C-alpha atoms as a PDB file:
ATOM      1  CA  UNK A   1      29.742  43.679   4.865  1.00  0.00           C
ATOM      2  CA  UNK A   2      30.112  43.502   8.668  1.00  0.00           C
ATOM      3  CA  UNK A   3      31.362  40.254  10.098  1.00  0.00           C
ATOM      4  CA  UNK A   4      29.665  38.380  12.926  1.00  0.00           C
ATOM      5  CA  UNK A   5      31.847  37.419  15.866  1.00  0.00           C
ATOM      6  CA  UNK A   6      31.769  34.362  18.089  1.00  0.00           C
ATOM      7  CA  UNK A   7      34.104  33.377  20.902  1.00  0.00           C
ATOM      8  CA  UNK A   8      35.328  29.961  21.924  1.00  0.00           C
ATOM      9  CA  UNK A   9      36.956  29.636  25.325  1.00  0.00           C
ATOM     10  CA  UNK A  10      38.636  26.761  27.109  1.00  0.00           C
ATOM     11  CA  UNK A  11      39.003  27.379  30.842  1.00  0.00           C
ATOM     12  CA  UNK A  12      40.630  25.106  33.402  1.00  0.00           C
ATOM     13  CA  UNK A  13      40.464  25.930  37.111  1.00  0.00           C
ATOM     14  CA  UNK A  14      42.200  23.964  39.859  1.00  0.00           C
ATOM     15  CA  UNK A  15      39.924  21.789  42.035  1.00  0.00           C
ATOM     16  CA  UNK A  16      38.252  23.545  44.940  1.00  0.00           C
ATOM     17  CA  UNK A  17      39.915  22.854  48.273  1.00  0.00           C
ATOM     18  CA  UNK A  18      38.552  25.053  51.032  1.00  0.00           C
ATOM     19  CA  UNK A  19      41.043  26.824  53.234  1.00  0.00           C
ATOM     20  CA  UNK A  20      44.188  25.770  51.359  1.00  0.00           C
ATOM     21  CA  UNK A  21      44.555  28.477  48.737  1.00  0.00           C
ATOM     22  CA  UNK A  22      44.774  32.236  48.552  1.00  0.00           C
ATOM     23  CA  UNK A  23      43.709  33.954  45.336  1.00  0.00           C
ATOM     24  CA  UNK A  24      45.443  37.204  44.413  1.00  0.00           C
ATOM     25  CA  UNK A  25      45.301  39.523  41.433  1.00  0.00           C
ATOM     26  CA  UNK A  26      48.420  40.691  39.628  1.00  0.00           C
ATOM     27  CA  UNK A  27      48.843  43.839  37.544  1.00  0.00           C
ATOM     28  CA  UNK A  28      52.280  44.745  36.189  1.00  0.00           C
ATOM     29  CA  UNK A  29      51.184  48.367  35.708  1.00  0.00           C
ATOM     30  CA  UNK A  30      50.752  49.683  39.237  1.00  0.00           C
ATOM     31  CA  UNK A  31      49.251  52.905  37.912  1.00  0.00           C
ATOM     32  CA  UNK A  32      46.492  51.214  35.911  1.00  0.00           C
ATOM     33  CA  UNK A  33      43.002  51.925  37.202  1.00  0.00           C
ATOM     34  CA  UNK A  34      39.462  52.670  36.127  1.00  0.00           C
ATOM     35  CA  UNK A  35      36.506  50.412  35.475  1.00  0.00           C
ATOM     36  CA  UNK A  36      38.553  47.690  33.787  1.00  0.00           C
ATOM     37  CA  UNK A  37      40.828  47.071  36.769  1.00  0.00           C
ATOM     38  CA  UNK A  38      37.965  47.261  39.268  1.00  0.00           C
ATOM     39  CA  UNK A  39      35.858  44.893  37.159  1.00  0.00           C
ATOM     40  CA  UNK A  40      38.619  42.304  36.960  1.00  0.00           C
ATOM     41  CA  UNK A  41      39.261  42.529  40.690  1.00  0.00           C
ATOM     42  CA  UNK A  42      35.570  41.942  41.414  1.00  0.00           C
ATOM     43  CA  UNK A  43      35.448  38.953  39.039  1.00  0.00           C
ATOM     44  CA  UNK A  44      38.550  37.540  40.765  1.00  0.00           C
ATOM     45  CA  UNK A  45      36.903  38.033  44.172  1.00  0.00           C
ATOM     46  CA  UNK A  46      33.814  36.168  42.936  1.00  0.00           C
ATOM     47  CA  UNK A  47      36.005  33.338  41.597  1.00  0.00           C
ATOM     48  CA  UNK A  48      37.597  32.986  45.048  1.00  0.00           C
ATOM     49  CA  UNK A  49      34.128  32.757  46.618  1.00  0.00           C
ATOM     50  CA  UNK A  50      32.993  30.122  44.118  1.00  0.00           C
ATOM     51  CA  UNK A  51      36.113  28.024  44.750  1.00  0.00           C
ATOM     52  CA  UNK A  52      35.942  28.535  48.551  1.00  0.00           C
ATOM     53  CA  UNK A  53      39.358  30.172  48.619  1.00  0.00           C
ATOM     54  CA  UNK A  54      40.565  33.228  50.495  1.00  0.00           C
ATOM     55  CA  UNK A  55      40.686  36.433  48.447  1.00  0.00           C
ATOM     56  CA  UNK A  56      43.982  38.191  49.092  1.00  0.00           C
ATOM     57  CA  UNK A  57      43.541  41.268  46.887  1.00  0.00           C
ATOM     58  CA  UNK A  58      46.432  42.549  44.811  1.00  0.00           C
ATOM     59  CA  UNK A  59      49.683  40.583  44.984  1.00  0.00           C
ATOM     60  CA  UNK A  60      52.247  42.245  47.259  1.00  0.00           C
ATOM     61  CA  UNK A  61      55.849  41.087  46.837  1.00  0.00           C
ATOM     62  CA  UNK A  62      56.699  42.304  50.353  1.00  0.00           C
ATOM     63  CA  UNK A  63      54.265  39.864  51.992  1.00  0.00           C
ATOM     64  CA  UNK A  64      54.792  36.206  52.859  1.00  0.00           C
ATOM     65  CA  UNK A  65      51.885  34.154  51.544  1.00  0.00           C
ATOM     66  CA  UNK A  66      50.741  30.723  52.538  1.00  0.00           C
ATOM     67  CA  UNK A  67      51.405  28.507  49.541  1.00  0.00           C
ATOM     68  CA  UNK A  68      50.105  27.702  47.060  1.00  0.00           C
ATOM     69  CA  UNK A  69      48.847  30.980  45.637  1.00  0.00           C
ATOM     70  CA  UNK A  70      46.322  31.124  42.833  1.00  0.00           C
ATOM     71  CA  UNK A  71      46.976  34.167  40.629  1.00  0.00           C
ATOM     72  CA  UNK A  72      44.581  36.122  38.398  1.00  0.00           C
ATOM     73  CA  UNK A  73      46.840  38.374  36.303  1.00  0.00           C
ATOM     74  CA  UNK A  74      45.417  41.311  34.379  1.00  0.00           C
ATOM     75  CA  UNK A  75      47.540  40.262  31.390  1.00  0.00           C
ATOM     76  CA  UNK A  76      49.385  37.109  30.407  1.00  0.00           C
ATOM     77  CA  UNK A  77      52.534  36.794  32.496  1.00  0.00           C
ATOM     78  CA  UNK A  78      56.047  36.510  31.156  1.00  0.00           C
ATOM     79  CA  UNK A  79      57.875  33.393  32.357  1.00  0.00           C
ATOM     80  CA  UNK A  80      60.036  35.409  34.764  1.00  0.00           C
ATOM     81  CA  UNK A  81      56.998  37.237  36.174  1.00  0.00           C
ATOM     82  CA  UNK A  82      55.225  33.933  36.739  1.00  0.00           C
ATOM     83  CA  UNK A  83      58.208  32.465  38.561  1.00  0.00           C
ATOM     84  CA  UNK A  84      58.435  35.567  40.767  1.00  0.00           C
ATOM     85  CA  UNK A  85      54.903  35.008  42.087  1.00  0.00           C
ATOM     86  CA  UNK A  86      55.334  31.220  42.378  1.00  0.00           C
ATOM     87  CA  UNK A  87      53.373  30.195  39.269  1.00  0.00           C
ATOM     88  CA  UNK A  88      54.791  27.170  37.469  1.00  0.00           C
ATOM     89  CA  UNK A  89      51.757  25.552  35.847  1.00  0.00           C
ATOM     90  CA  UNK A  90      48.306  26.193  34.403  1.00  0.00           C
ATOM     91  CA  UNK A  91      46.564  25.058  37.600  1.00  0.00           C
ATOM     92  CA  UNK A  92      48.063  28.012  39.492  1.00  0.00           C
ATOM     93  CA  UNK A  93      46.520  30.882  37.550  1.00  0.00           C
ATOM     94  CA  UNK A  94      43.481  32.119  35.642  1.00  0.00           C
ATOM     95  CA  UNK A  95      45.211  33.202  32.453  1.00  0.00           C
ATOM     96  CA  UNK A  96      48.426  32.351  30.684  1.00  0.00           C
ATOM     97  CA  UNK A  97      52.215  32.445  30.768  1.00  0.00           C
ATOM     98  CA  UNK A  98      54.295  33.255  27.676  1.00  0.00           C
ATOM     99  CA  UNK A  99      58.048  33.314  26.925  1.00  0.00           C
ATOM    100  CA  UNK A 100      57.891  36.674  25.097  1.00  0.00           C
ATOM    101  CA  UNK A 101      55.418  39.550  25.393  1.00  0.00           C
ATOM    102  CA  UNK A 102      54.374  39.401  21.727  1.00  0.00           C
ATOM    103  CA  UNK A 103      53.160  35.800  22.145  1.00  0.00           C
ATOM    104  CA  UNK A 104      50.222  37.081  24.202  1.00  0.00           C
ATOM    105  CA  UNK A 105      49.111  39.487  21.452  1.00  0.00           C
ATOM    106  CA  UNK A 106      47.352  39.294  18.103  1.00  0.00           C
ATOM    107  CA  UNK A 107      50.802  39.342  16.475  1.00  0.00           C
ATOM    108  CA  UNK A 108      51.074  35.532  16.394  1.00  0.00           C
ATOM    109  CA  UNK A 109      47.838  35.152  14.421  1.00  0.00           C
ATOM    110  CA  UNK A 110      49.507  35.851  11.069  1.00  0.00           C
ATOM    111  CA  UNK A 111      52.872  35.181   9.427  1.00  0.00           C
ATOM    112  CA  UNK A 112      55.360  37.855   8.449  1.00  0.00           C
ATOM    113  CA  UNK A 113      55.132  39.200   4.902  1.00  0.00           C
ATOM    114  CA  UNK A 114      58.407  37.383   4.091  1.00  0.00           C
ATOM    115  CA  UNK A 115      60.969  35.175   5.807  1.00  0.00           C
ATOM    116  CA  UNK A 116      63.489  38.038   5.886  1.00  0.00           C
ATOM    117  CA  UNK A 117      61.059  40.552   7.418  1.00  0.00           C
ATOM    118  CA  UNK A 118      61.948  42.156  10.757  1.00  0.00           C
ATOM    119  CA  UNK A 119      61.004  39.964  13.741  1.00  0.00           C
ATOM    120  CA  UNK A 120      61.728  39.994  17.484  1.00  0.00           C
ATOM    121  CA  UNK A 121      63.878  37.418  19.246  1.00  0.00           C
ATOM    122  CA  UNK A 122      61.920  34.221  19.784  1.00  0.00           C
ATOM    123  CA  UNK A 123      59.560  34.713  16.835  1.00  0.00           C
ATOM    124  CA  UNK A 124      58.228  31.432  15.417  1.00  0.00           C
ATOM    125  CA  UNK A 125      57.610  31.420  11.671  1.00  0.00           C
ATOM    126  CA  UNK A 126      55.797  28.114  12.121  1.00  0.00           C
ATOM    127  CA  UNK A 127      52.979  29.615  14.187  1.00  0.00           C
ATOM    128  CA  UNK A 128      51.398  31.902  11.592  1.00  0.00           C
ATOM    129  CA  UNK A 129      52.289  29.591   8.723  1.00  0.00           C
ATOM    130  CA  UNK A 130      50.621  26.620  10.419  1.00  0.00           C
ATOM    131  CA  UNK A 131      47.396  28.509  11.140  1.00  0.00           C
ATOM    132  CA  UNK A 132      46.306  27.782   7.548  1.00  0.00           C
ATOM    133  CA  UNK A 133      42.521  28.349   7.341  1.00  0.00           C
ATOM    134  CA  UNK A 134      42.148  28.860  11.101  1.00  0.00           C
ATOM    135  CA  UNK A 135      42.874  32.583  10.662  1.00  0.00           C
ATOM    136  CA  UNK A 136      41.792  35.198   8.151  1.00  0.00           C
ATOM    137  CA  UNK A 137      44.175  36.386   5.454  1.00  0.00           C
ATOM    138  CA  UNK A 138      46.673  38.864   6.912  1.00  0.00           C
ATOM    139  CA  UNK A 139      50.209  39.643   8.004  1.00  0.00           C
ATOM    140  CA  UNK A 140      52.000  40.803  11.114  1.00  0.00           C
ATOM    141  CA  UNK A 141      54.711  43.446  10.713  1.00  0.00           C
ATOM    142  CA  UNK A 142      57.297  44.827  13.105  1.00  0.00           C
ATOM    143  CA  UNK A 143      58.481  47.809  11.078  1.00  0.00           C
ATOM    144  CA  UNK A 144      56.966  50.370   8.721  1.00  0.00           C
ATOM    145  CA  UNK A 145      58.529  48.991   5.535  1.00  0.00           C
ATOM    146  CA  UNK A 146      57.193  45.477   6.127  1.00  0.00           C
ATOM    147  CA  UNK A 147      53.789  46.849   7.120  1.00  0.00           C
ATOM    148  CA  UNK A 148      53.624  48.851   3.891  1.00  0.00           C
ATOM    149  CA  UNK A 149      54.534  45.778   1.848  1.00  0.00           C
ATOM    150  CA  UNK A 150      51.948  43.673   3.666  1.00  0.00           C
ATOM    151  CA  UNK A 151      49.164  46.229   3.229  1.00  0.00           C
ATOM    152  CA  UNK A 152      49.982  46.655  -0.451  1.00  0.00           C
ATOM    153  CA  UNK A 153      49.770  42.894  -0.997  1.00  0.00           C
ATOM    154  CA  UNK A 154      46.451  42.639   0.859  1.00  0.00           C
ATOM    155  CA  UNK A 155      44.882  45.549  -1.060  1.00  0.00           C
ATOM    156  CA  UNK A 156      44.818  43.319  -4.125  1.00  0.00           C
ATOM    157  CA  UNK A 157      42.044  41.374  -2.397  1.00  0.00           C
ATOM    158  CA  UNK A 158      40.027  44.327  -1.081  1.00  0.00           C
ATOM    159  CA  UNK A 159      40.043  46.896   1.764  1.00  0.00           C
ATOM    160  CA  UNK A 160      42.669  46.384   4.481  1.00  0.00           C
ATOM    161  CA  UNK A 161      42.347  47.003   8.198  1.00  0.00           C
ATOM    162  CA  UNK A 162      45.623  48.059   9.834  1.00  0.00           C
ATOM    163  CA  UNK A 163      45.598  47.618  13.570  1.00  0.00           C
ATOM    164  CA  UNK A 164      47.952  47.923  16.496  1.00  0.00           C
ATOM    165  CA  UNK A 165      48.073  44.659  18.447  1.00  0.00           C
ATOM    166  CA  UNK A 166      47.657  46.711  21.635  1.00  0.00           C
ATOM    167  CA  UNK A 167      44.311  48.124  20.507  1.00  0.00           C
ATOM    168  CA  UNK A 168      41.162  46.729  22.153  1.00  0.00           C
ATOM    169  CA  UNK A 169      37.457  47.137  21.516  1.00  0.00           C
ATOM    170  CA  UNK A 170      37.944  48.522  18.019  1.00  0.00           C
ATOM    171  CA  UNK A 171      40.477  51.137  19.104  1.00  0.00           C
ATOM    172  CA  UNK A 172      43.703  51.790  17.237  1.00  0.00           C
ATOM    173  CA  UNK A 173      42.614  50.451  13.855  1.00  0.00           C
ATOM    174  CA  UNK A 174      42.315  52.071  10.435  1.00  0.00           C
ATOM    175  CA  UNK A 175      40.494  50.963   7.286  1.00  0.00           C
ATOM    176  CA  UNK A 176      42.486  51.484   4.071  1.00  0.00           C
ATOM    177  CA  UNK A 177      40.821  51.205   0.658  1.00  0.00           C
ATOM    178  CA  UNK A 178      43.559  52.592  -1.597  1.00  0.00           C
ATOM    179  CA  UNK A 179      47.355  52.567  -1.615  1.00  0.00           C
ATOM    180  CA  UNK A 180      47.433  56.264  -0.795  1.00  0.00           C
ATOM    181  CA  UNK A 181      45.871  55.566   2.590  1.00  0.00           C
ATOM    182  CA  UNK A 182      48.573  53.174   3.793  1.00  0.00           C
ATOM    183  CA  UNK A 183      51.160  55.687   5.016  1.00  0.00           C
ATOM    184  CA  UNK A 184      48.628  57.922   6.874  1.00  0.00           C
ATOM    185  CA  UNK A 185      47.275  54.830   8.624  1.00  0.00           C
ATOM    186  CA  UNK A 186      50.775  53.714   9.617  1.00  0.00           C
ATOM    187  CA  UNK A 187      51.530  57.225  10.889  1.00  0.00           C
ATOM    188  CA  UNK A 188      48.401  57.062  13.043  1.00  0.00           C
ATOM    189  CA  UNK A 189      49.398  53.677  14.469  1.00  0.00           C
ATOM    190  CA  UNK A 190      52.854  54.975  15.381  1.00  0.00           C
ATOM    191  CA  UNK A 191      56.357  53.531  15.368  1.00  0.00           C
ATOM    192  CA  UNK A 192      56.136  51.962  18.822  1.00  0.00           C
ATOM    193  CA  UNK A 193      53.222  49.694  17.933  1.00  0.00           C
ATOM    194  CA  UNK A 194      52.999  46.519  15.865  1.00  0.00           C
ATOM    195  CA  UNK A 195      50.886  46.754  12.706  1.00  0.00           C
ATOM    196  CA  UNK A 196      48.168  44.169  12.213  1.00  0.00           C
ATOM    197  CA  UNK A 197      45.773  43.527   9.324  1.00  0.00           C
ATOM    198  CA  UNK A 198      42.378  41.983  10.049  1.00  0.00           C
ATOM    199  CA  UNK A 199      38.713  42.635  10.789  1.00  0.00           C
ATOM    200  CA  UNK A 200      36.642  43.045  13.930  1.00  0.00           C
ATOM    201  CA  UNK A 201      32.995  43.451  14.973  1.00  0.00           C
ATOM    202  CA  UNK A 202      32.127  45.690  17.928  1.00  0.00           C
ATOM    203  CA  UNK A 203      29.265  47.601  19.554  1.00  0.00           C
ATOM    204  CA  UNK A 204      28.874  51.364  20.141  1.00  0.00           C
ATOM    205  CA  UNK A 205      29.143  53.315  23.415  1.00  0.00           C
ATOM    206  CA  UNK A 206      27.403  56.558  24.432  1.00  0.00           C
ATOM    207  CA  UNK A 207      29.981  58.626  22.536  1.00  0.00           C
ATOM    208  CA  UNK A 208      29.513  56.712  19.313  1.00  0.00           C
ATOM    209  CA  UNK A 209      32.792  54.815  19.698  1.00  0.00           C
ATOM    210  CA  UNK A 210      33.046  51.107  18.896  1.00  0.00           C
ATOM    211  CA  UNK A 211      33.615  49.139  22.114  1.00  0.00           C
ATOM    212  CA  UNK A 212      32.945  45.752  23.701  1.00  0.00           C
ATOM    213  CA  UNK A 213      29.335  45.374  24.846  1.00  0.00           C
ATOM    214  CA  UNK A 214      28.962  41.905  26.319  1.00  0.00           C
ATOM    215  CA  UNK A 215      28.882  38.202  25.455  1.00  0.00           C
ATOM    216  CA  UNK A 216      26.471  35.289  25.586  1.00  0.00           C
ATOM    217  CA  UNK A 217      28.165  31.989  26.396  1.00  0.00           C
ATOM    218  CA  UNK A 218      27.004  28.428  25.881  1.00  0.00           C
ATOM    219  CA  UNK A 219      29.271  26.565  28.260  1.00  0.00           C
ATOM    220  CA  UNK A 220      29.921  22.801  28.218  1.00  0.00           C
ATOM    221  CA  UNK A 221      31.742  20.857  30.894  1.00  0.00           C
ATOM    222  CA  UNK A 222      34.814  19.226  29.372  1.00  0.00           C
ATOM    223  CA  UNK A 223      37.218  19.951  26.517  1.00  0.00           C
ATOM    224  CA  UNK A 224      37.012  21.143  22.917  1.00  0.00           C
ATOM    225  CA  UNK A 225      35.942  17.655  21.809  1.00  0.00           C
ATOM    226  CA  UNK A 226      33.056  17.695  24.304  1.00  0.00           C
ATOM    227  CA  UNK A 227      31.937  21.026  22.892  1.00  0.00           C
ATOM    228  CA  UNK A 228      32.073  19.634  19.353  1.00  0.00           C
ATOM    229  CA  UNK A 229      29.912  16.695  20.469  1.00  0.00           C
ATOM    230  CA  UNK A 230      27.297  18.970  22.051  1.00  0.00           C
ATOM    231  CA  UNK A 231      25.076  19.312  18.969  1.00  0.00           C
ATOM    232  CA  UNK A 232      26.150  22.834  18.013  1.00  0.00           C
ATOM    233  CA  UNK A 233      24.648  24.550  15.000  1.00  0.00           C
ATOM    234  CA  UNK A 234      26.892  24.546  11.926  1.00  0.00           C
ATOM    235  CA  UNK A 235      28.471  27.991  12.361  1.00  0.00           C
ATOM    236  CA  UNK A 236      29.238  27.452  16.051  1.00  0.00           C
ATOM    237  CA  UNK A 237      30.677  24.024  15.319  1.00  0.00           C
ATOM    238  CA  UNK A 238      33.020  25.557  12.762  1.00  0.00           C
ATOM    239  CA  UNK A 239      34.037  28.259  15.243  1.00  0.00           C
ATOM    240  CA  UNK A 240      35.153  25.586  17.707  1.00  0.00           C
ATOM    241  CA  UNK A 241      37.049  23.692  14.993  1.00  0.00           C
ATOM    242  CA  UNK A 242      38.899  26.875  13.991  1.00  0.00           C
ATOM    243  CA  UNK A 243      39.653  27.768  17.613  1.00  0.00           C
ATOM    244  CA  UNK A 244      40.978  24.268  18.254  1.00  0.00           C
ATOM    245  CA  UNK A 245      43.273  24.510  15.216  1.00  0.00           C
ATOM    246  CA  UNK A 246      44.550  27.933  16.301  1.00  0.00           C
ATOM    247  CA  UNK A 247      45.133  26.654  19.839  1.00  0.00           C
ATOM    248  CA  UNK A 248      47.136  23.687  18.573  1.00  0.00           C
ATOM    249  CA  UNK A 249      49.267  25.809  16.212  1.00  0.00           C
ATOM    250  CA  UNK A 250      50.032  28.449  18.847  1.00  0.00           C
ATOM    251  CA  UNK A 251      51.109  26.101  21.624  1.00  0.00           C
ATOM    252  CA  UNK A 252      53.070  23.890  19.243  1.00  0.00           C
ATOM    253  CA  UNK A 253      55.020  26.924  18.042  1.00  0.00           C
ATOM    254  CA  UNK A 254      55.632  28.211  21.580  1.00  0.00           C
ATOM    255  CA  UNK A 255      55.844  25.035  23.706  1.00  0.00           C
ATOM    256  CA  UNK A 256      56.958  26.824  26.879  1.00  0.00           C
ATOM    257  CA  UNK A 257      53.725  28.837  26.944  1.00  0.00           C
ATOM    258  CA  UNK A 258      50.698  27.558  28.878  1.00  0.00           C
ATOM    259  CA  UNK A 259      47.280  28.883  29.820  1.00  0.00           C
ATOM    260  CA  UNK A 260      44.252  27.871  31.835  1.00  0.00           C
ATOM    261  CA  UNK A 261      41.990  30.474  30.211  1.00  0.00           C
ATOM    262  CA  UNK A 262      42.140  30.355  26.399  1.00  0.00           C
ATOM    263  CA  UNK A 263      39.682  32.562  24.520  1.00  0.00           C
ATOM    264  CA  UNK A 264      39.511  32.775  20.712  1.00  0.00           C
ATOM    265  CA  UNK A 265      37.405  35.297  18.788  1.00  0.00           C
ATOM    266  CA  UNK A 266      36.161  33.817  15.516  1.00  0.00           C
ATOM    267  CA  UNK A 267      34.694  35.939  12.706  1.00  0.00           C
ATOM    268  CA  UNK A 268      32.242  34.993   9.962  1.00  0.00           C
ATOM    269  CA  UNK A 269      31.290  37.128   6.979  1.00  0.00           C
ATOM    270  CA  UNK A 270      31.961  37.967   3.336  1.00  0.00           C
ATOM    271  CA  UNK A 271      35.041  39.571   1.873  1.00  0.00           C
ATOM    272  CA  UNK A 272      35.182  42.346  -0.751  1.00  0.00           C
ATOM    273  CA  UNK A 273      34.423  39.866  -3.543  1.00  0.00           C
ATOM    274  CA  UNK A 274      31.426  38.417  -1.702  1.00  0.00           C
ATOM    275  CA  UNK A 275      33.030  35.128  -0.730  1.00  0.00           C
ATOM    276  CA  UNK A 276      32.253  33.597   2.659  1.00  0.00           C
ATOM    277  CA  UNK A 277      35.167  33.899   5.084  1.00  0.00           C
ATOM    278  CA  UNK A 278      35.810  32.709   8.624  1.00  0.00           C
ATOM    279  CA  UNK A 279      38.799  32.625  10.907  1.00  0.00           C
ATOM    280  CA  UNK A 280      40.181  33.331  14.356  1.00  0.00           C
ATOM    281  CA  UNK A 281      40.869  37.021  14.798  1.00  0.00           C
ATOM    282  CA  UNK A 282      42.812  36.824  18.036  1.00  0.00           C
ATOM    283  CA  UNK A 283      43.439  34.922  21.236  1.00  0.00           C
ATOM    284  CA  UNK A 284      43.174  36.035  24.851  1.00  0.00           C
ATOM    285  CA  UNK A 285      45.073  34.179  27.552  1.00  0.00           C
ATOM    286  CA  UNK A 286      43.990  36.399  30.441  1.00  0.00           C
ATOM    287  CA  UNK A 287      40.896  37.421  32.364  1.00  0.00           C
ATOM    288  CA  UNK A 288      38.594  39.189  29.892  1.00  0.00           C
ATOM    289  CA  UNK A 289      35.261  40.810  29.232  1.00  0.00           C
ATOM    290  CA  UNK A 290      33.422  37.468  29.274  1.00  0.00           C
ATOM    291  CA  UNK A 291      35.072  36.161  32.458  1.00  0.00           C
ATOM    292  CA  UNK A 292      32.202  37.239  34.692  1.00  0.00           C
ATOM    293  CA  UNK A 293      29.968  34.810  32.787  1.00  0.00           C
ATOM    294  CA  UNK A 294      32.675  32.139  32.860  1.00  0.00           C
ATOM    295  CA  UNK A 295      32.749  32.312  36.655  1.00  0.00           C
ATOM    296  CA  UNK A 296      28.937  32.116  36.765  1.00  0.00           C
ATOM    297  CA  UNK A 297      29.075  28.958  34.660  1.00  0.00           C
ATOM    298  CA  UNK A 298      31.775  27.465  36.892  1.00  0.00           C
ATOM    299  CA  UNK A 299      29.579  28.161  39.914  1.00  0.00           C
ATOM    300  CA  UNK A 300      26.648  26.371  38.246  1.00  0.00           C
ATOM    301  CA  UNK A 301      28.790  23.315  37.508  1.00  0.00           C
ATOM    302  CA  UNK A 302      30.129  23.182  41.074  1.00  0.00           C
ATOM    303  CA  UNK A 303      26.620  23.446  42.536  1.00  0.00           C
ATOM    304  CA  UNK A 304      25.373  20.598  40.355  1.00  0.00           C
ATOM    305  CA  UNK A 305      28.057  18.070  39.439  1.00  0.00           C
ATOM    306  CA  UNK A 306      25.658  16.261  37.068  1.00  0.00           C
ATOM    307  CA  UNK A 307      25.110  19.361  34.986  1.00  0.00           C
ATOM    308  CA  UNK A 308      26.905  19.454  31.650  1.00  0.00           C
ATOM    309  CA  UNK A 309      25.704  22.673  29.976  1.00  0.00           C
ATOM    310  CA  UNK A 310      24.785  26.184  31.029  1.00  0.00           C
ATOM    311  CA  UNK A 311      24.125  29.474  29.251  1.00  0.00           C
ATOM    312  CA  UNK A 312      25.452  32.673  30.827  1.00  0.00           C
ATOM    313  CA  UNK A 313      25.965  36.223  29.620  1.00  0.00           C
ATOM    314  CA  UNK A 314      27.796  39.429  30.387  1.00  0.00           C
ATOM    315  CA  UNK A 315      26.236  42.841  29.745  1.00  0.00           C
ATOM    316  CA  UNK A 316      27.981  46.207  29.632  1.00  0.00           C
ATOM    317  CA  UNK A 317      25.716  49.232  29.393  1.00  0.00           C
ATOM    318  CA  UNK A 318      26.632  52.902  29.552  1.00  0.00           C
ATOM    319  CA  UNK A 319      24.196  53.657  32.350  1.00  0.00           C
ATOM    320  CA  UNK A 320      25.022  53.449  36.060  1.00  0.00           C
ATOM    321  CA  UNK A 321      21.359  53.390  37.085  1.00  0.00           C
ATOM    322  CA  UNK A 322      20.022  50.642  34.822  1.00  0.00           C
ATOM    323  CA  UNK A 323      17.804  47.895  36.218  1.00  0.00           C
ATOM    324  CA  UNK A 324      19.819  44.726  36.754  1.00  0.00           C
ATOM    325  CA  UNK A 325      18.006  41.353  36.618  1.00  0.00           C
ATOM    326  CA  UNK A 326      17.548  39.356  39.802  1.00  0.00           C
ATOM    327  CA  UNK A 327      20.389  36.945  40.435  1.00  0.00           C
ATOM    328  CA  UNK A 328      22.904  38.911  38.375  1.00  0.00           C
ATOM    329  CA  UNK A 329      26.502  39.342  39.496  1.00  0.00           C
ATOM    330  CA  UNK A 330      27.305  43.048  39.211  1.00  0.00           C
ATOM    331  CA  UNK A 331      31.042  43.524  38.915  1.00  0.00           C
ATOM    332  CA  UNK A 332      31.024  47.228  38.121  1.00  0.00           C
ATOM    333  CA  UNK A 333      28.539  50.044  38.636  1.00  0.00           C
ATOM    334  CA  UNK A 334      29.679  53.644  38.715  1.00  0.00           C
ATOM    335  CA  UNK A 335      31.022  56.577  36.755  1.00  0.00           C
ATOM    336  CA  UNK A 336      34.390  55.947  35.171  1.00  0.00           C
ATOM    337  CA  UNK A 337      36.670  58.922  34.579  1.00  0.00           C
ATOM    338  CA  UNK A 338      36.931  58.095  30.878  1.00  0.00           C
ATOM    339  CA  UNK A 339      33.951  55.908  29.973  1.00  0.00           C
ATOM    340  CA  UNK A 340      31.337  57.791  32.005  1.00  0.00           C
ATOM    341  CA  UNK A 341      28.341  56.051  33.637  1.00  0.00           C
ATOM    342  CA  UNK A 342      28.739  52.314  33.271  1.00  0.00           C
ATOM    343  CA  UNK A 343      27.246  49.071  34.575  1.00  0.00           C
ATOM    344  CA  UNK A 344      28.668  45.600  34.000  1.00  0.00           C
ATOM    345  CA  UNK A 345      27.045  42.391  35.132  1.00  0.00           C
ATOM    346  CA  UNK A 346      26.936  38.657  34.449  1.00  0.00           C
ATOM    347  CA  UNK A 347      23.897  36.434  34.658  1.00  0.00           C
ATOM    348  CA  UNK A 348      22.879  32.826  34.188  1.00  0.00           C
ATOM    349  CA  UNK A 349      20.217  32.927  31.483  1.00  0.00           C
ATOM    350  CA  UNK A 350      18.244  29.858  32.485  1.00  0.00           C
ATOM    351  CA  UNK A 351      17.877  27.466  35.364  1.00  0.00           C
ATOM    352  CA  UNK A 352      18.263  24.336  33.263  1.00  0.00           C
ATOM    353  CA  UNK A 353      20.617  22.929  30.664  1.00  0.00           C
ATOM    354  CA  UNK A 354      20.912  25.327  27.684  1.00  0.00           C
END
């Protein structure tokens, strides 16, 4: 049975101070392009406008910037990368900083299949082990033998989804129902990727592929506890509780990591035996598909300091000529070389508290 997905995000942005900051984007892969990079750049530009900062475009190491910079990285930064651009705390970026690349991926969601399984330098056994019920049943594996052992163990409870931690929007994952399907799935994932077992809910693009299609956000000014006190319906309340537990486990296990934008995807559904299940699928400590709506909500809060709640949404539709509602923030409209015709926009859904 398909699982329903919800996201819980905690975002902290430095106080607005006109004329004192320059916002820049940062992408480690200079060759990366397409609708995703353009979308993120446009969301970053809008964030600079909302905060009354100067937008400086892509970070250029050859330039001398007026300090302090505010950085919007396309991915979580490694500690050395952050230091190189002058980032030393969560109030200097929209995203996160991690001590090892794997900490920014789905890999930390689950424990290894055993204490003697292959793991990279810096791996914390405590992280996955301390997730407890915050995450769904699963394992992370860093070599084929461990992945095979993990998948075999999970098959006792029902079908297993094997996924590369680098896959997004439903890409790079394989559903295995019998032991004979494990090795073909691992071959498809490849030796250079990390295997991951879990579940995910997506939408469908014009080619019939499962991809991200947008988010609706109920945003509350404050922290996780303020969100829990906001009268959420039962399922949403539980999603926040699970996200808060995941957040605490992750940052306790990797204390040198920090993030101003912390997004957690939480799934609800039934497993192969029909039992209700819920858990955090993954974290995102970087600008993401819902960030256009996050910036819209921030703008609403800055325009009205007494306002405590707002509902915003992002929409991605595979049509570059669709009608966009009045007041929407369009952060991409065009024909992408790979995705085809595409429009992305964010909008505030009402003019009063949600």
